[in-house]
Amino acid sequence: MRRVTMSKHVTTSRGRRLRRRLHGALALTLAGALLGGPALADDLHDIRDRIRKVEQQQDRAKDDRSAATQQAGQLGDELEHTSAELVAADERLRETTAKVADARVALGEAEADLADAEAEARRIEAELAVARANEAQIEESLAANEDAQAESRSTIGAIARDSYKQGGLGSLATTLELLSGESDAVEQMAMARTVLRVQDQQILALSVQQAQAVAEQDRLAGVRRDIDYLLARAEANVVAKEQARQAAEEAKSALEALEAQQAQDKAALEKEKAKVEKALAAEQRRADDLTAQLRSLASKKHGLKAQEQVEVDRIAREKAAAEAAAEARLRAEARRRAEEAAARQQAAEEAARQRAAEREAQRQREAAAEAQRRSDQAAADEANRRAAAADAEARRAQDAAADAKAREDAQERARRQEAVQERAQAQQVSSSGYLSQPMPGGITSEFGMRLHPILGIYVLHSGIDFGAACGTPVAAAADGVVWATPYDDSRGNHVIVDHGVQRGVNLTTAYLHLSSFAVSPGQSVARGQVIGYEGTTGSSTGCHLHFETRENGTPVNPRNWL
């Protein structure tokens, strides 16, 4: 009975081990059937590759449209500024044109004033000619008067000299005789009176001549003053008018030059405005084209997403069918193996019972022979045999109990050892971590067996997941060398960093499902250096970072190193 109990215990333990092996085989079979299927490897990969290319085109188109919109905004600001400058330039040109017109009017007035001044100068010249003629006439009159005075003085002097020489009247008589050629006394007296009258007349004439000379001198001085005044006035008037005309001419020329420059500036601004308007229209057309392209890409992506969903549904159906078929096959195999194991177990139990029966028969034969040989001690021997049999049975029971107790103790020790190891690992994680956390954010999935979120089967989750928004920088957990930056359908874009030998093992870290890379193979990186950006590439249900640690190529729980 005790042998049967032990056999059942062994059978139950073996059945549990068999079921565990069968479950593992089922998982591996299903994973191989699903991952190895041509639909997932070809059609779905092709669709997702096309979706990824469309998304890349969308990103480029969005960047280009953003640049075009920004450029259009800058051109709009430039156009507004240029238009304002053009309005200001047009206003300045109108003001300058008005000033040019005023300057031309002022120049005309200055030229008219100059013409008037020149006419006045010509009139003054005529007056000067008359004055100079009067001056010449007066000078001639003064010269004639001077000659007459000289003649009068000469005559008076001659008469006085002759009268003095002749002693008064005698000399006068002589003078009269000389004058008349007669010697009659009466006639001489008459002649004397005539000489006296002539002398008086000469003296009076000299006085008149002298008075006339003084008057002519005064008149000449007045004429010369008039001439000087007319000359000064004519010169000052013409010079002032000429200066005014020259100033007006210079002002008009300066304003005309300013008008020409401002017209040139306005033309340049109009040309610049046309250029900016053309560039703005081109950028707006480019932005519109990119918007249309984005709409087309969005429609294309929507179609591809629909195809992807159809393909995923098809794969899910195939997976379900494969799971059912594989499970049926594995259950049949399990039943077959269980039946074979049960048959082997039953055969072994039967052989054990036969061996026990044979041993018992042998023992009985030996006991009978011994009883025959020792007939005289049959009672004693029988008692001894029964006592020995009882002792042997007790020892076998004790041995069976000891074996069961030893197995239970071994299991308990194994459980305790596992708990100690887990506590030691936890202590090692908290006190002696070598790696730094690769990014901020909480851990959303731990290392270990779990239900695959896409395949729907229990598989080993060979790392831990960090949750954060797509585009969050991902940093190297420690110093090392970038071993590879590959892409595959499962892991997506991922970076593998070799940290060399740490704690006696070759340590590598992997960073999966990245949206883009920041490093390249062979590059040395430092702890905390950005190596990529979080994404959802590959077999992923959303933005997250899958972080792995491997010791000599075997995945281990990253918490042992963090």
Protein backbone atom coordinates (compact mmCIF):
# COMPACT_ATOMS: atom_id res chain seq x y z
CA MET A 1 0.00 0.00 0.00
CA ARG A 2 2.82 2.36 0.82
CA ARG A 3 4.50 1.53 -2.48
CA VAL A 4 1.30 2.46 -4.34
CA THR A 5 1.12 5.85 -2.53
CA MET A 6 4.71 6.63 -3.41
CA SER A 7 4.09 5.64 -7.02
CA LYS A 8 1.08 7.96 -7.21
CA HIS A 9 3.17 10.82 -5.80
CA VAL A 10 5.88 10.21 -8.39
CA THR A 11 3.25 10.01 -11.13
CA THR A 12 1.64 13.32 -10.05
CA SER A 13 5.03 15.10 -9.98
CA ARG A 14 5.94 13.74 -13.38
CA GLY A 15 2.50 14.82 -14.72
CA ARG A 16 3.06 18.38 -13.53
CA ARG A 17 6.47 18.49 -15.19
CA LEU A 18 4.97 17.05 -18.36
CA ARG A 19 2.19 19.68 -18.38
CA ARG A 20 4.75 22.46 -17.95
CA ARG A 21 6.78 21.11 -20.85
CA LEU A 22 3.66 20.84 -22.98
CA HIS A 23 2.62 24.43 -22.20
CA GLY A 24 6.09 25.65 -23.16
CA ALA A 25 6.01 23.63 -26.36
CA LEU A 26 2.56 25.06 -27.16
CA ALA A 27 3.80 28.63 -26.71
CA LEU A 28 6.86 28.02 -28.87
CA THR A 29 4.80 26.29 -31.55
CA LEU A 30 2.27 29.12 -31.69
CA ALA A 31 4.99 31.77 -31.75
CA GLY A 32 6.77 29.98 -34.58
CA ALA A 33 3.55 29.54 -36.52
CA LEU A 34 2.62 33.19 -36.17
CA LEU A 35 6.00 34.84 -36.61
CA GLY A 36 7.07 32.56 -39.39
CA GLY A 37 3.93 33.00 -41.50
CA PRO A 38 4.44 34.69 -44.88
CA ALA A 39 1.48 37.03 -44.34
CA LEU A 40 3.05 38.75 -41.30
CA ALA A 41 6.55 38.70 -42.77
CA ASP A 42 5.58 40.00 -46.21
CA ASP A 43 2.17 41.63 -46.60
CA LEU A 44 1.92 43.35 -43.20
CA HIS A 45 5.60 44.35 -43.30
CA ASP A 46 5.09 45.86 -46.76
CA ILE A 47 1.98 47.78 -45.66
CA ARG A 48 3.67 49.13 -42.53
CA ASP A 49 6.76 50.03 -44.54
CA ARG A 50 4.55 51.98 -46.95
CA ILE A 51 2.78 53.65 -44.00
CA ARG A 52 6.15 54.57 -42.52
CA LYS A 53 7.27 56.07 -45.85
CA VAL A 54 4.01 58.04 -46.11
CA GLU A 55 4.52 59.32 -42.54
CA GLN A 56 8.05 60.36 -43.44
CA GLN A 57 6.69 62.16 -46.50
CA GLN A 58 4.09 63.81 -44.25
CA ASP A 59 6.79 64.95 -41.83
CA ARG A 60 8.84 66.42 -44.67
CA ALA A 61 5.77 68.06 -46.22
CA LYS A 62 4.77 69.52 -42.83
CA ASP A 63 8.28 70.90 -42.34
CA ASP A 64 8.27 72.32 -45.87
CA ARG A 65 4.81 73.84 -45.39
CA SER A 66 5.85 75.34 -42.07
CA ALA A 67 8.94 76.83 -43.75
CA ALA A 68 6.82 78.12 -46.66
CA THR A 69 4.26 79.63 -44.28
CA GLN A 70 7.03 81.27 -42.25
CA GLN A 71 8.67 82.58 -45.42
CA ALA A 72 5.29 83.88 -46.64
CA GLY A 73 4.80 85.66 -43.33
CA GLN A 74 8.23 87.25 -43.57
CA LEU A 75 7.53 88.28 -47.18
CA GLY A 76 4.15 89.68 -46.09
CA ASP A 77 5.87 91.77 -43.42
CA GLU A 78 8.47 92.85 -45.98
CA LEU A 79 5.71 93.73 -48.48
CA GLU A 80 3.87 95.74 -45.83
CA HIS A 81 7.09 97.54 -44.94
CA THR A 82 7.91 98.15 -48.62
CA SER A 83 4.37 99.41 -49.30
CA ALA A 84 4.66 101.80 -46.37
CA GLU A 85 8.03 103.00 -47.65
CA LEU A 86 6.54 103.38 -51.13
CA VAL A 87 3.65 105.49 -49.78
CA ALA A 88 6.12 107.63 -47.84
CA ALA A 89 8.37 107.95 -50.91
CA ASP A 90 5.37 108.94 -53.07
CA GLU A 91 4.38 111.55 -50.46
CA ARG A 92 7.94 112.87 -50.38
CA LEU A 93 8.03 112.97 -54.19
CA ARG A 94 4.75 114.90 -54.34
CA GLU A 95 6.03 117.37 -51.75
CA THR A 96 9.31 117.75 -53.65
CA THR A 97 7.44 118.18 -56.97
CA ALA A 98 5.34 120.90 -55.38
CA LYS A 99 8.51 122.53 -54.06
CA VAL A 100 10.07 122.26 -57.54
CA ALA A 101 7.03 124.04 -58.99
CA ASP A 102 7.33 126.72 -56.29
CA ALA A 103 11.06 126.96 -56.99
CA ARG A 104 10.36 127.41 -60.70
CA VAL A 105 7.84 130.15 -59.88
CA ALA A 106 10.38 131.76 -57.54
CA LEU A 107 13.02 131.46 -60.28
CA GLY A 108 10.66 133.09 -62.76
CA GLU A 109 9.99 135.89 -60.30
CA ALA A 110 13.73 136.26 -59.67
CA GLU A 111 14.38 136.34 -63.42
CA ALA A 112 11.60 138.92 -63.83
CA ASP A 113 13.12 140.97 -61.02
CA LEU A 114 16.50 140.59 -62.71
CA ALA A 115 14.98 141.74 -66.01
CA ASP A 116 13.43 144.70 -64.21
CA ALA A 117 16.79 145.39 -62.59
CA GLU A 118 18.51 145.15 -65.94
CA ALA A 119 15.88 147.50 -67.48
CA GLU A 120 16.40 149.84 -64.57
CA ALA A 121 20.14 149.55 -65.15
CA ARG A 122 19.62 150.44 -68.80
CA ARG A 123 17.50 153.44 -67.78
CA ILE A 124 20.17 154.42 -65.29
CA GLU A 125 22.74 154.00 -68.05
CA ALA A 126 20.70 156.46 -70.13
CA GLU A 127 20.59 158.85 -67.21
CA LEU A 128 24.31 158.31 -66.77
CA ALA A 129 24.84 159.13 -70.44
CA VAL A 130 22.85 162.35 -70.01
CA ALA A 131 24.73 163.09 -66.81
CA ARG A 132 28.07 162.38 -68.47
CA ALA A 133 27.02 164.59 -71.40
CA ASN A 134 26.07 167.33 -68.94
CA GLU A 135 29.39 166.75 -67.19
CA ALA A 136 31.26 167.15 -70.49
CA GLN A 137 29.20 170.20 -71.38
CA ILE A 138 29.86 171.75 -68.00
CA GLU A 139 33.53 170.93 -68.28
CA GLU A 140 33.59 172.56 -71.72
CA SER A 141 31.67 175.57 -70.36
CA LEU A 142 34.10 175.80 -67.44
CA ALA A 143 37.02 175.65 -69.86
CA ALA A 144 35.47 178.41 -72.05
CA ASN A 145 34.72 180.47 -68.95
CA GLU A 146 38.28 179.98 -67.82
CA ASP A 147 39.52 181.15 -71.19
CA ALA A 148 37.17 184.18 -71.10
CA GLN A 149 38.33 185.02 -67.58
CA ALA A 150 41.91 184.77 -68.72
CA GLU A 151 41.17 187.03 -71.64
CA SER A 152 39.31 189.48 -69.40
CA ARG A 153 42.13 189.50 -66.91
CA SER A 154 44.62 190.04 -69.72
CA THR A 155 42.64 192.99 -71.14
CA ILE A 156 42.14 194.57 -67.74
CA GLY A 157 45.81 194.10 -66.98
CA ALA A 158 46.87 195.65 -70.25
CA ILE A 159 44.62 198.69 -69.68
CA ALA A 160 45.92 199.03 -66.14
CA ARG A 161 49.52 198.76 -67.25
CA ASP A 162 49.10 201.34 -69.99
CA SER A 163 47.30 203.74 -67.66
CA TYR A 164 50.00 203.40 -65.10
CA LYS A 165 52.72 203.93 -67.62
CA GLN A 166 51.08 207.11 -69.00
CA GLY A 167 50.33 208.63 -65.60
CA GLY A 168 46.62 208.38 -65.58
CA LEU A 169 44.81 210.57 -68.20
CA GLY A 170 47.95 211.37 -70.16
CA SER A 171 48.40 207.82 -70.56
CA LEU A 172 44.74 207.64 -71.19
CA ALA A 173 44.96 210.29 -73.85
CA THR A 174 47.80 208.48 -75.33
CA THR A 175 45.79 205.37 -75.09
CA LEU A 176 42.82 207.09 -76.76
CA GLU A 177 44.98 208.51 -79.43
CA LEU A 178 46.33 205.15 -79.95
CA LEU A 179 42.82 203.86 -80.04
CA SER A 180 41.31 206.60 -82.24
CA GLY A 181 44.31 207.79 -84.14
CA GLU A 182 43.18 211.43 -83.55
CA SER A 183 44.52 214.12 -81.29
CA ASP A 184 41.40 216.10 -80.55
CA ALA A 185 40.99 216.61 -76.75
CA VAL A 186 37.25 216.15 -76.73
CA GLU A 187 37.59 213.18 -78.70
CA GLN A 188 40.35 212.09 -76.38
CA MET A 189 38.04 212.54 -73.39
CA ALA A 190 35.32 210.59 -75.06
CA MET A 191 37.76 207.94 -75.85
CA ALA A 192 38.94 208.05 -72.22
CA ARG A 193 35.43 207.49 -71.01
CA THR A 194 35.03 204.72 -73.51
CA VAL A 195 38.21 203.06 -72.21
CA LEU A 196 36.89 203.33 -68.68
CA ARG A 197 33.59 201.75 -69.69
CA VAL A 198 35.39 199.02 -71.49
CA GLN A 199 37.51 198.44 -68.43
CA ASP A 200 34.42 198.40 -66.22
CA GLN A 201 32.67 196.11 -68.62
CA GLN A 202 35.69 193.78 -68.63
CA ILE A 203 35.77 193.82 -64.85
CA LEU A 204 32.01 193.17 -64.67
CA ALA A 205 32.33 190.46 -67.28
CA LEU A 206 35.15 188.91 -65.28
CA SER A 207 32.98 188.96 -62.16
CA VAL A 208 30.11 187.38 -64.05
CA GLN A 209 32.44 184.85 -65.52
CA GLN A 210 33.80 184.00 -62.10
CA ALA A 211 30.28 183.68 -60.68
CA GLN A 212 29.32 181.49 -63.61
CA ALA A 213 32.45 179.42 -63.05
CA VAL A 214 31.50 178.87 -59.38
CA ALA A 215 27.95 177.98 -60.40
CA GLU A 216 29.21 175.58 -63.08
CA GLN A 217 31.59 174.01 -60.57
CA ASP A 218 28.69 173.43 -58.17
CA ARG A 219 26.61 172.07 -60.99
CA LEU A 220 29.47 169.79 -62.08
CA ALA A 221 29.89 168.50 -58.51
CA GLY A 222 26.13 167.79 -58.38
CA VAL A 223 26.21 166.00 -61.71
CA ARG A 224 29.18 163.91 -60.60
CA ARG A 225 27.35 163.05 -57.35
CA ASP A 226 24.37 161.98 -59.42
CA ILE A 227 26.64 159.87 -61.59
CA ASP A 228 28.20 158.17 -58.55
CA TYR A 229 24.73 157.54 -57.04
CA LEU A 230 23.37 156.13 -60.29
CA LEU A 231 26.40 153.89 -60.74
CA ALA A 232 26.17 152.58 -57.16
CA ARG A 233 22.41 152.03 -57.42
CA ALA A 234 22.64 150.27 -60.78
CA GLU A 235 25.46 148.03 -59.60
CA ALA A 236 23.78 147.14 -56.27
CA ASN A 237 20.41 146.51 -57.89
CA VAL A 238 21.83 144.21 -60.60
CA VAL A 239 24.10 142.35 -58.15
CA ALA A 240 21.23 141.73 -55.69
CA LYS A 241 18.88 140.59 -58.43
CA GLU A 242 21.57 138.37 -59.96
CA GLN A 243 22.28 136.82 -56.56
CA ALA A 244 18.54 136.23 -56.04
CA ARG A 245 18.23 134.66 -59.49
CA GLN A 246 21.31 132.49 -58.90
CA ALA A 247 19.95 131.35 -55.50
CA ALA A 248 16.60 130.54 -57.12
CA GLU A 249 18.37 128.66 -59.90
CA GLU A 250 20.44 126.66 -57.37
CA ALA A 251 17.33 125.89 -55.29
CA LYS A 252 15.47 124.78 -58.41
CA SER A 253 18.38 122.60 -59.52
CA ALA A 254 18.71 121.03 -56.05
CA LEU A 255 14.99 120.31 -55.89
CA GLU A 256 15.02 118.91 -59.42
CA ALA A 257 17.93 116.64 -58.45
CA LEU A 258 16.03 115.61 -55.29
CA GLU A 259 12.92 115.03 -57.37
CA ALA A 260 14.88 112.83 -59.78
CA GLN A 261 16.47 110.86 -56.91
CA GLN A 262 13.11 110.41 -55.19
CA ALA A 263 11.54 109.31 -58.47
CA GLN A 264 14.38 106.80 -58.84
CA ASP A 265 13.87 105.63 -55.23
CA LYS A 266 10.14 105.27 -55.83
CA ALA A 267 10.79 103.26 -58.98
CA ALA A 268 13.22 101.01 -57.06
CA LEU A 269 10.62 100.52 -54.30
CA GLU A 270 7.95 99.70 -56.88
CA LYS A 271 10.32 97.18 -58.42
CA GLU A 272 11.12 95.71 -54.98
CA LYS A 273 7.41 95.59 -54.14
CA ALA A 274 6.69 93.71 -57.38
CA LYS A 275 9.53 91.31 -56.60
CA VAL A 276 8.27 90.69 -53.04
CA GLU A 277 4.69 90.27 -54.30
CA LYS A 278 5.91 87.72 -56.84
CA ALA A 279 7.92 85.83 -54.18
CA LEU A 280 4.98 85.98 -51.75
CA ALA A 281 2.63 84.59 -54.40
CA ALA A 282 5.14 81.80 -55.13
CA GLU A 283 5.45 80.89 -51.42
CA GLN A 284 1.66 80.96 -51.01
CA ARG A 285 1.29 78.68 -54.03
CA ARG A 286 3.98 76.41 -52.55
CA ALA A 287 2.18 76.33 -49.19
CA ASP A 288 -1.11 75.56 -50.97
CA ASP A 289 0.57 72.79 -52.97
CA LEU A 290 2.06 71.32 -49.79
CA THR A 291 -1.36 71.50 -48.09
CA ALA A 292 -2.87 69.63 -51.01
CA GLN A 293 0.00 67.13 -50.83
CA LEU A 294 -0.62 66.63 -47.10
CA ARG A 295 -4.31 66.01 -47.77
CA SER A 296 -3.36 63.48 -50.43
CA LEU A 297 -0.85 61.81 -48.08
CA ALA A 298 -3.42 61.73 -45.27
CA SER A 299 -5.90 60.06 -47.62
CA LYS A 300 -3.23 57.62 -48.75
CA LYS A 301 -2.25 56.87 -45.14
CA HIS A 302 -5.91 56.34 -44.24
CA GLY A 303 -6.20 53.83 -47.06
CA LEU A 304 -3.02 52.07 -45.96
CA LYS A 305 -4.24 52.02 -42.35
CA ALA A 306 -7.43 50.41 -43.55
CA GLN A 307 -5.36 47.84 -45.47
CA GLU A 308 -3.24 47.31 -42.37
CA GLN A 309 -6.34 46.71 -40.26
CA VAL A 310 -7.65 44.24 -42.84
CA GLU A 311 -4.28 42.47 -42.82
CA VAL A 312 -4.14 42.48 -39.00
CA ASP A 313 -7.65 41.04 -38.88
CA ARG A 314 -6.65 38.39 -41.39
CA ILE A 315 -3.54 37.55 -39.37
CA ALA A 316 -5.65 37.46 -36.21
CA ARG A 317 -8.01 34.99 -37.86
CA GLU A 318 -5.08 32.93 -39.09
CA LYS A 319 -3.53 33.17 -35.64
CA ALA A 320 -6.74 31.98 -34.01
CA ALA A 321 -6.97 29.12 -36.48
CA ALA A 322 -3.29 28.31 -35.96
CA GLU A 323 -3.75 28.48 -32.19
CA ALA A 324 -6.73 26.14 -32.35
CA ALA A 325 -4.93 23.71 -34.65
CA ALA A 326 -1.71 23.86 -32.65
CA GLU A 327 -3.57 23.48 -29.38
CA ALA A 328 -5.48 20.51 -30.79
CA ARG A 329 -2.25 18.92 -31.99
CA LEU A 330 -0.51 19.61 -28.71
CA ARG A 331 -3.44 18.33 -26.67
CA ALA A 332 -3.44 15.16 -28.75
CA GLU A 333 0.30 14.88 -28.25
CA ALA A 334 -0.15 15.53 -24.55
CA ARG A 335 -2.80 12.85 -24.30
CA ARG A 336 -0.57 10.43 -26.20
CA ARG A 337 2.40 11.18 -23.98
CA ALA A 338 0.25 10.99 -20.87
CA GLU A 339 -1.14 7.64 -21.95
CA GLU A 340 2.37 6.38 -22.72
CA ALA A 341 3.61 7.66 -19.37
CA ALA A 342 0.66 6.07 -17.61
CA ALA A 343 1.31 2.79 -19.43
CA ARG A 344 4.99 2.95 -18.48
CA GLN A 345 4.09 3.80 -14.93
CA GLN A 346 1.58 0.97 -14.77
CA ALA A 347 4.13 -1.47 -16.23
CA ALA A 348 6.71 -0.31 -13.73
CA GLU A 349 4.24 -0.74 -10.87
CA GLU A 350 3.29 -4.17 -12.11
CA ALA A 351 6.97 -5.16 -12.39
CA ALA A 352 7.53 -3.86 -8.88
CA ARG A 353 4.61 -5.88 -7.58
CA GLN A 354 5.94 -9.00 -9.33
CA ARG A 355 9.41 -8.43 -7.91
CA ALA A 356 7.90 -7.98 -4.48
CA ALA A 357 5.86 -11.16 -4.89
CA GLU A 358 8.93 -13.08 -6.01
CA ARG A 359 10.91 -11.74 -3.12
CA GLU A 360 8.10 -12.74 -0.80
CA ALA A 361 7.92 -16.23 -2.32
CA GLN A 362 11.67 -16.60 -2.02
CA ARG A 363 11.51 -15.44 1.53
CA GLN A 364 8.75 -17.96 2.29
CA ARG A 365 10.71 -20.78 0.67
CA GLU A 366 13.78 -19.84 2.61
CA ALA A 367 11.68 -19.62 5.76
CA ALA A 368 10.18 -23.08 5.15
CA ALA A 369 13.63 -24.54 4.58
CA GLU A 370 14.92 -22.89 7.67
CA ALA A 371 11.91 -24.17 9.58
CA GLN A 372 12.57 -27.67 8.33
CA ARG A 373 16.23 -27.48 9.27
CA ARG A 374 15.42 -26.02 12.62
CA SER A 375 12.32 -27.96 13.50
CA ASP A 376 13.30 -28.07 17.04
CA GLN A 377 13.43 -24.34 17.22
CA ALA A 378 10.38 -23.72 15.00
CA ALA A 379 8.50 -21.79 17.53
CA ALA A 380 11.46 -19.67 18.47
CA ASP A 381 12.55 -19.15 14.91
CA GLU A 382 9.03 -18.27 13.85
CA ALA A 383 8.85 -15.75 16.61
CA ASN A 384 12.21 -14.34 15.60
CA ARG A 385 11.16 -14.24 11.94
CA ARG A 386 7.98 -12.44 12.70
CA ALA A 387 9.85 -10.01 14.88
CA ALA A 388 12.43 -9.45 12.14
CA ALA A 389 9.67 -9.02 9.53
CA ALA A 390 7.94 -6.51 11.75
CA ASP A 391 11.20 -4.66 12.25
CA ALA A 392 11.88 -4.68 8.50
CA GLU A 393 8.39 -3.39 7.78
CA ALA A 394 8.82 -0.67 10.33
CA ARG A 395 12.16 0.29 8.85
CA ARG A 396 10.66 0.46 5.38
CA ALA A 397 7.88 2.67 6.66
CA GLN A 398 10.41 4.84 8.43
CA ASP A 399 12.52 5.00 5.26
CA ALA A 400 9.47 6.03 3.18
CA ALA A 401 8.51 8.66 5.72
CA ALA A 402 12.10 9.89 5.85
CA ASP A 403 12.19 10.09 2.05
CA ALA A 404 8.95 12.11 1.96
CA LYS A 405 10.18 14.36 4.75
CA ALA A 406 13.52 14.84 2.93
CA ARG A 407 11.72 15.83 -0.25
CA GLU A 408 9.52 18.28 1.59
CA ASP A 409 12.56 19.69 3.39
CA ALA A 410 14.41 20.03 0.07
CA GLN A 411 11.44 21.84 -1.48
CA GLU A 412 11.19 24.13 1.54
CA ARG A 413 14.93 24.82 1.40
CA ALA A 414 14.63 25.57 -2.35
CA ARG A 415 11.78 28.01 -1.71
CA ARG A 416 13.73 29.67 1.08
CA GLN A 417 16.85 29.86 -1.09
CA GLU A 418 14.84 31.42 -3.93
CA ALA A 419 13.37 33.99 -1.52
CA VAL A 420 16.87 34.77 -0.20
CA GLN A 421 18.16 35.19 -3.76
CA GLU A 422 15.23 37.46 -4.62
CA ARG A 423 15.89 39.57 -1.53
CA ALA A 424 19.62 39.68 -2.35
CA GLN A 425 18.83 40.75 -5.91
CA ALA A 426 16.46 43.44 -4.65
CA GLN A 427 19.14 44.66 -2.22
CA GLN A 428 21.69 44.64 -5.03
CA VAL A 429 19.33 46.66 -7.26
CA SER A 430 18.74 49.28 -4.58
CA SER A 431 22.31 49.60 -3.30
CA SER A 432 24.76 48.85 -6.12
CA GLY A 433 23.12 49.74 -9.45
CA TYR A 434 25.57 50.27 -12.32
CA LEU A 435 23.19 51.64 -14.96
CA SER A 436 21.26 54.92 -14.93
CA GLN A 437 17.62 55.15 -15.94
CA PRO A 438 17.64 55.89 -19.70
CA MET A 439 14.77 58.41 -19.62
CA PRO A 440 12.29 60.07 -17.24
CA GLY A 441 8.91 58.47 -16.71
CA GLY A 442 7.45 55.53 -14.86
CA ILE A 443 7.85 51.84 -15.65
CA THR A 444 4.70 50.54 -17.34
CA SER A 445 5.68 46.85 -17.78
CA GLU A 446 8.15 44.67 -15.86
CA PHE A 447 10.53 41.91 -16.94
CA GLY A 448 9.08 38.36 -17.08
CA MET A 449 6.36 36.19 -18.63
CA ARG A 450 3.28 38.08 -19.77
CA LEU A 451 0.47 38.03 -22.33
CA HIS A 452 1.82 39.52 -25.56
CA PRO A 453 -0.30 42.63 -26.34
CA ILE A 454 -0.31 41.91 -30.10
CA LEU A 455 0.18 38.14 -30.43
CA GLY A 456 -2.11 37.33 -27.50
CA ILE A 457 0.12 34.53 -26.13
CA TYR A 458 2.29 34.19 -23.01
CA VAL A 459 5.91 34.95 -23.87
CA LEU A 460 8.96 36.29 -22.03
CA HIS A 461 8.98 40.09 -21.84
CA SER A 462 12.76 40.43 -22.03
CA GLY A 463 13.02 43.98 -20.66
CA ILE A 464 11.11 46.76 -18.91
CA ASP A 465 9.00 49.49 -20.55
CA PHE A 466 9.17 53.22 -19.77
CA GLY A 467 6.14 55.34 -20.65
CA ALA A 468 6.51 58.90 -22.02
CA ALA A 469 5.51 61.00 -25.05
CA CYS A 470 6.93 60.25 -28.48
CA GLY A 471 10.00 62.38 -29.16
CA THR A 472 11.25 62.28 -25.54
CA PRO A 473 15.10 62.05 -25.56
CA VAL A 474 16.56 58.64 -24.66
CA ALA A 475 20.00 58.63 -22.95
CA ALA A 476 22.75 56.00 -22.68
CA ALA A 477 22.47 54.15 -19.34
CA ALA A 478 26.29 54.09 -18.98
CA ASP A 479 29.50 54.72 -20.91
CA GLY A 480 30.00 52.40 -23.88
CA VAL A 481 30.29 51.95 -27.63
CA VAL A 482 27.35 51.84 -30.04
CA TRP A 483 27.39 48.30 -31.42
CA ALA A 484 24.49 48.65 -33.91
CA THR A 485 21.49 50.83 -34.89
CA PRO A 486 19.29 48.40 -36.88
CA TYR A 487 15.58 48.21 -37.69
CA ASP A 488 13.29 45.18 -37.77
CA ASP A 489 9.54 44.61 -37.74
CA SER A 490 9.46 43.56 -34.09
CA ARG A 491 11.95 45.92 -32.39
CA GLY A 492 11.60 48.84 -34.83
CA ASN A 493 14.43 51.38 -34.70
CA HIS A 494 16.74 50.31 -31.86
CA VAL A 495 20.23 51.05 -30.50
CA ILE A 496 22.53 48.41 -28.97
CA VAL A 497 25.33 49.70 -26.68
CA ASP A 498 28.24 47.51 -25.51
CA HIS A 499 29.44 48.40 -21.97
CA GLY A 500 32.27 45.83 -21.85
CA VAL A 501 32.88 43.44 -18.95
CA GLN A 502 31.05 44.51 -15.78
CA ARG A 503 30.79 42.33 -12.65
CA GLY A 504 32.43 39.47 -14.54
CA VAL A 505 29.99 39.42 -17.51
CA ASN A 506 29.80 41.18 -20.86
CA LEU A 507 27.00 43.74 -20.40
CA THR A 508 24.98 45.20 -23.28
CA THR A 509 21.89 47.43 -23.25
CA ALA A 510 19.23 47.81 -25.96
CA TYR A 511 16.78 50.70 -26.55
CA LEU A 512 13.78 49.66 -28.73
CA HIS A 513 10.94 51.30 -30.76
CA LEU A 514 12.82 54.63 -31.25
CA SER A 515 11.42 57.25 -33.63
CA SER A 516 14.91 58.34 -34.74
CA PHE A 517 18.63 57.92 -33.94
CA ALA A 518 21.12 60.43 -32.51
CA VAL A 519 24.22 58.16 -32.77
CA SER A 520 25.79 55.78 -35.30
CA PRO A 521 27.56 52.37 -35.05
CA GLY A 522 31.11 52.51 -33.67
CA GLN A 523 30.51 55.80 -31.83
CA SER A 524 31.57 56.11 -28.19
CA VAL A 525 28.85 57.43 -25.88
CA ALA A 526 28.87 58.70 -22.31
CA ARG A 527 26.37 58.08 -19.54
CA GLY A 528 23.42 60.44 -20.02
CA GLN A 529 24.27 61.26 -23.68
CA VAL A 530 21.21 61.36 -25.96
CA ILE A 531 21.28 58.38 -28.35
CA GLY A 532 17.76 58.62 -29.83
CA TYR A 533 14.15 59.68 -29.35
CA GLU A 534 11.23 57.65 -28.07
CA GLY A 535 8.74 56.40 -30.65
CA THR A 536 6.45 53.50 -31.53
CA THR A 537 8.23 51.82 -34.44
CA GLY A 538 8.10 48.08 -34.98
CA SER A 539 5.72 45.81 -33.05
CA SER A 540 4.39 48.46 -30.68
CA THR A 541 0.96 49.58 -29.47
CA GLY A 542 1.95 53.11 -28.46
CA CYS A 543 4.77 55.51 -27.56
CA HIS A 544 7.17 53.83 -25.09
CA LEU A 545 10.79 52.71 -24.61
CA HIS A 546 11.53 48.97 -24.27
CA PHE A 547 14.84 48.76 -22.33
CA GLU A 548 16.84 45.50 -22.22
CA THR A 549 19.98 44.34 -20.39
CA ARG A 550 21.88 41.22 -21.51
CA GLU A 551 24.63 39.33 -19.73
CA ASN A 552 26.81 37.47 -22.26
CA GLY A 553 23.87 37.76 -24.73
CA THR A 554 21.20 36.42 -22.31
CA PRO A 555 18.38 38.82 -21.31
CA VAL A 556 18.16 39.52 -17.57
CA ASN A 557 15.98 41.75 -15.43
CA PRO A 558 17.27 45.36 -15.89
CA ARG A 559 16.38 46.08 -12.26
CA ASN A 560 19.45 43.97 -11.33
CA TRP A 561 21.60 46.68 -12.94
CA LEU A 562 19.64 49.92 -12.56
